[in-house]
């Protein structure tokens, strides 16, 4: 009996077939609108993509103001870099959704 592949690996397999590296990759990150959220995500993104310019990050609060959506566009050099960035952002305790 074989194990089912990790669904995130399948997603990254598909992405790798669609993308040509290096490329500019948009990432949408959502979390509670709390002090430090945008800065924490910006710092985390820069760990994986040092050339990321935080001034390019787009912030959009929800209609009720409880949530904040951040859009970051990152220059990605490889699948490994994309996977590491996605997993780090998705694993951050302030993050609820990453698209």
N, C-alpha and C. Protein backbone atom coordinates (compact mmCIF):
# COMPACT_ATOMS: atom_id res chain seq x y z
N UNK A 1 0.86 -1.18 0.00
CA UNK A 1 0.00 0.00 0.00
C UNK A 1 0.90 1.23 0.00
N UNK A 2 0.65 2.15 -0.90
CA UNK A 2 1.48 3.36 -0.96
C UNK A 2 0.78 4.51 -0.28
N UNK A 3 1.58 5.42 0.23
CA UNK A 3 1.05 6.60 0.90
C UNK A 3 0.61 7.63 -0.13
N UNK A 4 -0.47 8.33 0.17
CA UNK A 4 -0.91 9.41 -0.72
C UNK A 4 0.09 10.54 -0.63
N UNK A 5 0.39 11.18 -1.77
CA UNK A 5 1.34 12.29 -1.73
C UNK A 5 0.78 13.46 -0.96
N UNK A 6 1.66 14.22 -0.35
CA UNK A 6 1.27 15.44 0.35
C UNK A 6 0.60 16.36 -0.66
N UNK A 7 -0.59 16.86 -0.33
CA UNK A 7 -1.34 17.69 -1.28
C UNK A 7 -0.57 18.95 -1.65
N UNK A 8 0.23 19.50 -0.72
CA UNK A 8 1.00 20.69 -1.05
C UNK A 8 2.08 20.35 -2.06
N UNK A 9 2.65 19.13 -2.00
CA UNK A 9 3.64 18.73 -3.01
C UNK A 9 2.99 18.68 -4.38
N UNK A 10 1.77 18.19 -4.46
CA UNK A 10 1.05 18.14 -5.72
C UNK A 10 0.83 19.54 -6.27
N UNK A 11 0.47 20.47 -5.41
CA UNK A 11 0.28 21.86 -5.83
C UNK A 11 1.59 22.43 -6.35
N UNK A 12 2.69 22.20 -5.64
CA UNK A 12 3.98 22.70 -6.08
C UNK A 12 4.44 22.02 -7.36
N UNK A 13 4.09 20.72 -7.55
CA UNK A 13 4.41 20.04 -8.81
C UNK A 13 3.70 20.73 -9.97
N UNK A 14 2.43 21.06 -9.78
CA UNK A 14 1.66 21.75 -10.83
C UNK A 14 2.23 23.13 -11.10
N UNK A 15 2.52 23.85 -10.03
CA UNK A 15 3.08 25.20 -10.20
C UNK A 15 4.40 25.16 -10.95
N UNK A 16 5.23 24.19 -10.63
CA UNK A 16 6.53 24.10 -11.29
C UNK A 16 6.37 23.91 -12.79
N UNK A 17 5.34 23.18 -13.21
CA UNK A 17 5.10 22.97 -14.64
C UNK A 17 4.60 24.25 -15.31
N UNK A 18 3.92 25.10 -14.56
CA UNK A 18 3.35 26.33 -15.12
C UNK A 18 4.30 27.52 -15.09
N UNK A 19 5.22 27.50 -14.15
CA UNK A 19 6.10 28.65 -13.96
C UNK A 19 7.45 28.45 -14.64
N UNK A 20 8.02 29.54 -15.02
CA UNK A 20 9.38 29.54 -15.54
C UNK A 20 10.20 30.41 -14.59
N UNK A 21 11.17 29.80 -13.93
CA UNK A 21 11.97 30.53 -12.96
C UNK A 21 13.15 31.19 -13.63
N UNK A 22 13.56 32.36 -13.18
CA UNK A 22 12.96 33.16 -12.12
C UNK A 22 11.67 33.83 -12.60
N UNK A 23 10.81 34.18 -11.64
CA UNK A 23 9.55 34.85 -11.97
C UNK A 23 9.09 35.70 -10.79
N UNK A 24 8.24 36.66 -11.09
CA UNK A 24 7.61 37.46 -10.04
C UNK A 24 6.35 36.72 -9.64
N UNK A 25 6.24 36.39 -8.35
CA UNK A 25 5.13 35.56 -7.87
C UNK A 25 4.33 36.32 -6.82
N UNK A 26 3.03 36.52 -7.07
CA UNK A 26 2.19 37.21 -6.08
C UNK A 26 1.72 36.24 -5.00
N UNK A 27 1.75 36.70 -3.79
CA UNK A 27 1.30 35.92 -2.64
C UNK A 27 0.33 36.79 -1.86
N UNK A 28 -0.85 36.27 -1.57
CA UNK A 28 -1.82 37.00 -0.77
C UNK A 28 -1.86 36.34 0.60
N UNK A 29 -1.68 37.16 1.64
CA UNK A 29 -1.59 36.67 3.01
C UNK A 29 -2.67 37.36 3.82
N UNK A 30 -3.48 36.59 4.54
CA UNK A 30 -4.56 37.17 5.34
C UNK A 30 -4.42 36.78 6.81
N UNK A 31 -4.74 37.76 7.65
CA UNK A 31 -4.71 37.54 9.08
C UNK A 31 -5.49 38.62 9.79
N UNK A 32 -5.58 38.51 11.10
CA UNK A 32 -6.27 39.52 11.90
C UNK A 32 -5.57 40.86 11.75
N UNK A 33 -6.33 41.91 11.77
CA UNK A 33 -5.77 43.25 11.68
C UNK A 33 -5.28 43.65 13.07
N UNK A 34 -4.04 43.31 13.36
CA UNK A 34 -3.43 43.60 14.65
C UNK A 34 -2.09 44.30 14.43
N UNK A 35 -1.66 45.04 15.42
CA UNK A 35 -0.37 45.71 15.34
C UNK A 35 0.74 44.69 15.07
N UNK A 36 1.59 45.02 14.14
CA UNK A 36 2.74 44.18 13.86
C UNK A 36 2.54 43.11 12.81
N UNK A 37 1.31 42.89 12.35
CA UNK A 37 1.05 41.82 11.37
C UNK A 37 1.81 42.08 10.07
N UNK A 38 1.62 43.24 9.48
CA UNK A 38 2.26 43.55 8.21
C UNK A 38 3.79 43.53 8.35
N UNK A 39 4.30 44.07 9.42
CA UNK A 39 5.76 44.08 9.63
C UNK A 39 6.31 42.67 9.79
N UNK A 40 5.59 41.82 10.53
CA UNK A 40 6.04 40.44 10.74
C UNK A 40 6.10 39.69 9.41
N UNK A 41 5.10 39.87 8.57
CA UNK A 41 5.07 39.18 7.28
C UNK A 41 6.17 39.74 6.37
N UNK A 42 6.33 41.05 6.38
CA UNK A 42 7.38 41.67 5.58
C UNK A 42 8.75 41.12 5.97
N UNK A 43 9.01 41.04 7.26
CA UNK A 43 10.29 40.51 7.74
C UNK A 43 10.48 39.05 7.32
N UNK A 44 9.42 38.27 7.42
CA UNK A 44 9.49 36.86 7.06
C UNK A 44 9.75 36.69 5.57
N UNK A 45 9.07 37.47 4.76
CA UNK A 45 9.27 37.40 3.31
C UNK A 45 10.71 37.77 2.96
N UNK A 46 11.24 38.78 3.60
CA UNK A 46 12.63 39.21 3.32
C UNK A 46 13.65 38.15 3.72
N UNK A 47 13.32 37.30 4.68
CA UNK A 47 14.22 36.20 5.03
C UNK A 47 14.39 35.24 3.86
N UNK A 48 13.32 35.06 3.09
CA UNK A 48 13.33 34.12 1.96
C UNK A 48 13.59 34.79 0.62
N UNK A 49 13.36 36.08 0.56
CA UNK A 49 13.58 36.84 -0.68
C UNK A 49 14.18 38.19 -0.28
N UNK A 50 15.49 38.23 -0.06
CA UNK A 50 16.13 39.44 0.45
C UNK A 50 15.93 40.69 -0.40
N UNK A 51 15.63 40.52 -1.67
CA UNK A 51 15.43 41.68 -2.53
C UNK A 51 13.99 42.21 -2.50
N UNK A 52 13.13 41.60 -1.69
CA UNK A 52 11.74 42.06 -1.58
C UNK A 52 11.72 43.46 -0.99
N UNK A 53 10.96 44.35 -1.63
CA UNK A 53 10.82 45.73 -1.17
C UNK A 53 9.50 45.86 -0.42
N UNK A 54 9.53 46.01 0.90
CA UNK A 54 8.30 46.12 1.69
C UNK A 54 7.38 47.26 1.25
N UNK A 55 7.94 48.29 0.62
CA UNK A 55 7.12 49.42 0.15
C UNK A 55 6.16 49.01 -0.95
N UNK A 56 6.40 47.85 -1.58
CA UNK A 56 5.51 47.39 -2.65
C UNK A 56 4.34 46.55 -2.13
N UNK A 57 4.35 46.23 -0.85
CA UNK A 57 3.29 45.43 -0.27
C UNK A 57 1.98 46.22 -0.27
N UNK A 58 0.90 45.58 -0.70
CA UNK A 58 -0.41 46.21 -0.73
C UNK A 58 -1.22 45.69 0.45
N UNK A 59 -1.75 46.61 1.27
CA UNK A 59 -2.55 46.26 2.44
C UNK A 59 -4.01 46.63 2.17
N UNK A 60 -4.90 45.71 2.51
CA UNK A 60 -6.32 45.98 2.32
C UNK A 60 -7.11 45.41 3.51
N UNK A 61 -7.71 46.30 4.30
CA UNK A 61 -8.52 45.82 5.43
C UNK A 61 -9.86 45.27 4.94
N UNK A 62 -10.43 44.37 5.72
CA UNK A 62 -11.76 43.84 5.39
C UNK A 62 -12.81 44.93 5.60
N UNK A 63 -14.00 44.70 5.11
CA UNK A 63 -15.06 45.72 5.21
C UNK A 63 -15.40 46.05 6.66
N UNK A 64 -15.29 45.09 7.56
CA UNK A 64 -15.56 45.32 8.98
C UNK A 64 -14.32 45.76 9.73
N UNK A 65 -13.15 45.65 9.08
CA UNK A 65 -11.91 46.10 9.69
C UNK A 65 -11.22 45.10 10.60
N UNK A 66 -11.75 43.89 10.73
CA UNK A 66 -11.15 42.91 11.64
C UNK A 66 -9.99 42.15 11.00
N UNK A 67 -9.96 42.08 9.68
CA UNK A 67 -8.96 41.29 8.96
C UNK A 67 -8.14 42.20 8.06
N UNK A 68 -6.94 41.75 7.74
CA UNK A 68 -6.07 42.49 6.84
C UNK A 68 -5.52 41.54 5.79
N UNK A 69 -5.63 41.95 4.54
CA UNK A 69 -5.08 41.19 3.43
C UNK A 69 -3.82 41.89 2.94
N UNK A 70 -2.75 41.14 2.81
CA UNK A 70 -1.48 41.68 2.32
C UNK A 70 -1.17 41.00 0.99
N UNK A 71 -0.83 41.78 0.01
CA UNK A 71 -0.38 41.20 -1.25
C UNK A 71 1.09 41.56 -1.42
N UNK A 72 1.90 40.54 -1.58
CA UNK A 72 3.32 40.73 -1.80
C UNK A 72 3.69 40.07 -3.13
N UNK A 73 4.51 40.73 -3.89
CA UNK A 73 5.03 40.15 -5.13
C UNK A 73 6.52 39.94 -4.91
N UNK A 74 6.92 38.69 -5.07
CA UNK A 74 8.29 38.30 -4.73
C UNK A 74 8.96 37.72 -5.97
N UNK A 75 10.21 38.08 -6.17
CA UNK A 75 11.01 37.48 -7.25
C UNK A 75 11.48 36.12 -6.75
N UNK A 76 10.99 35.07 -7.40
CA UNK A 76 11.28 33.70 -7.01
C UNK A 76 12.26 33.10 -8.01
N UNK A 77 13.31 32.51 -7.49
CA UNK A 77 14.37 31.94 -8.33
C UNK A 77 14.20 30.44 -8.58
N UNK A 78 13.48 29.75 -7.67
CA UNK A 78 13.37 28.29 -7.80
C UNK A 78 12.14 27.77 -7.06
N UNK A 79 11.79 26.55 -7.38
CA UNK A 79 10.68 25.89 -6.69
C UNK A 79 11.00 25.78 -5.19
N UNK A 80 12.22 25.44 -4.87
CA UNK A 80 12.61 25.27 -3.47
C UNK A 80 12.40 26.57 -2.70
N UNK A 81 12.76 27.68 -3.29
CA UNK A 81 12.57 28.98 -2.64
C UNK A 81 11.08 29.26 -2.45
N UNK A 82 10.28 28.98 -3.47
CA UNK A 82 8.84 29.20 -3.37
C UNK A 82 8.22 28.35 -2.28
N UNK A 83 8.59 27.08 -2.24
CA UNK A 83 8.07 26.18 -1.20
C UNK A 83 8.45 26.65 0.20
N UNK A 84 9.70 27.02 0.37
CA UNK A 84 10.17 27.45 1.68
C UNK A 84 9.44 28.72 2.12
N UNK A 85 9.27 29.66 1.22
CA UNK A 85 8.56 30.90 1.53
C UNK A 85 7.11 30.61 1.89
N UNK A 86 6.43 29.82 1.07
CA UNK A 86 5.03 29.51 1.32
C UNK A 86 4.85 28.81 2.67
N UNK A 87 5.67 27.83 2.94
CA UNK A 87 5.54 27.07 4.19
C UNK A 87 5.83 27.96 5.40
N UNK A 88 6.81 28.85 5.28
CA UNK A 88 7.14 29.75 6.39
C UNK A 88 5.99 30.73 6.65
N UNK A 89 5.45 31.31 5.59
CA UNK A 89 4.35 32.27 5.76
C UNK A 89 3.10 31.55 6.28
N UNK A 90 2.77 30.42 5.69
CA UNK A 90 1.57 29.68 6.10
C UNK A 90 1.69 29.19 7.55
N UNK A 91 2.91 28.96 8.01
CA UNK A 91 3.11 28.47 9.37
C UNK A 91 3.19 29.56 10.42
N UNK A 92 3.18 30.80 10.00
CA UNK A 92 3.28 31.91 10.97
C UNK A 92 2.00 31.97 11.79
N UNK A 93 2.10 32.15 13.11
CA UNK A 93 0.90 32.13 13.97
C UNK A 93 -0.10 33.26 13.71
N UNK A 94 0.32 34.35 13.09
CA UNK A 94 -0.61 35.45 12.81
C UNK A 94 -1.37 35.27 11.50
N UNK A 95 -0.95 34.29 10.70
CA UNK A 95 -1.53 34.08 9.37
C UNK A 95 -2.68 33.09 9.43
N UNK A 96 -3.77 33.45 8.77
CA UNK A 96 -4.93 32.55 8.68
C UNK A 96 -5.01 31.88 7.33
N UNK A 97 -4.69 32.61 6.24
CA UNK A 97 -4.81 32.06 4.88
C UNK A 97 -3.67 32.61 4.03
N UNK A 98 -3.13 31.74 3.17
CA UNK A 98 -2.16 32.16 2.16
C UNK A 98 -2.64 31.65 0.82
N UNK A 99 -2.70 32.54 -0.14
CA UNK A 99 -3.12 32.16 -1.50
C UNK A 99 -2.00 32.50 -2.48
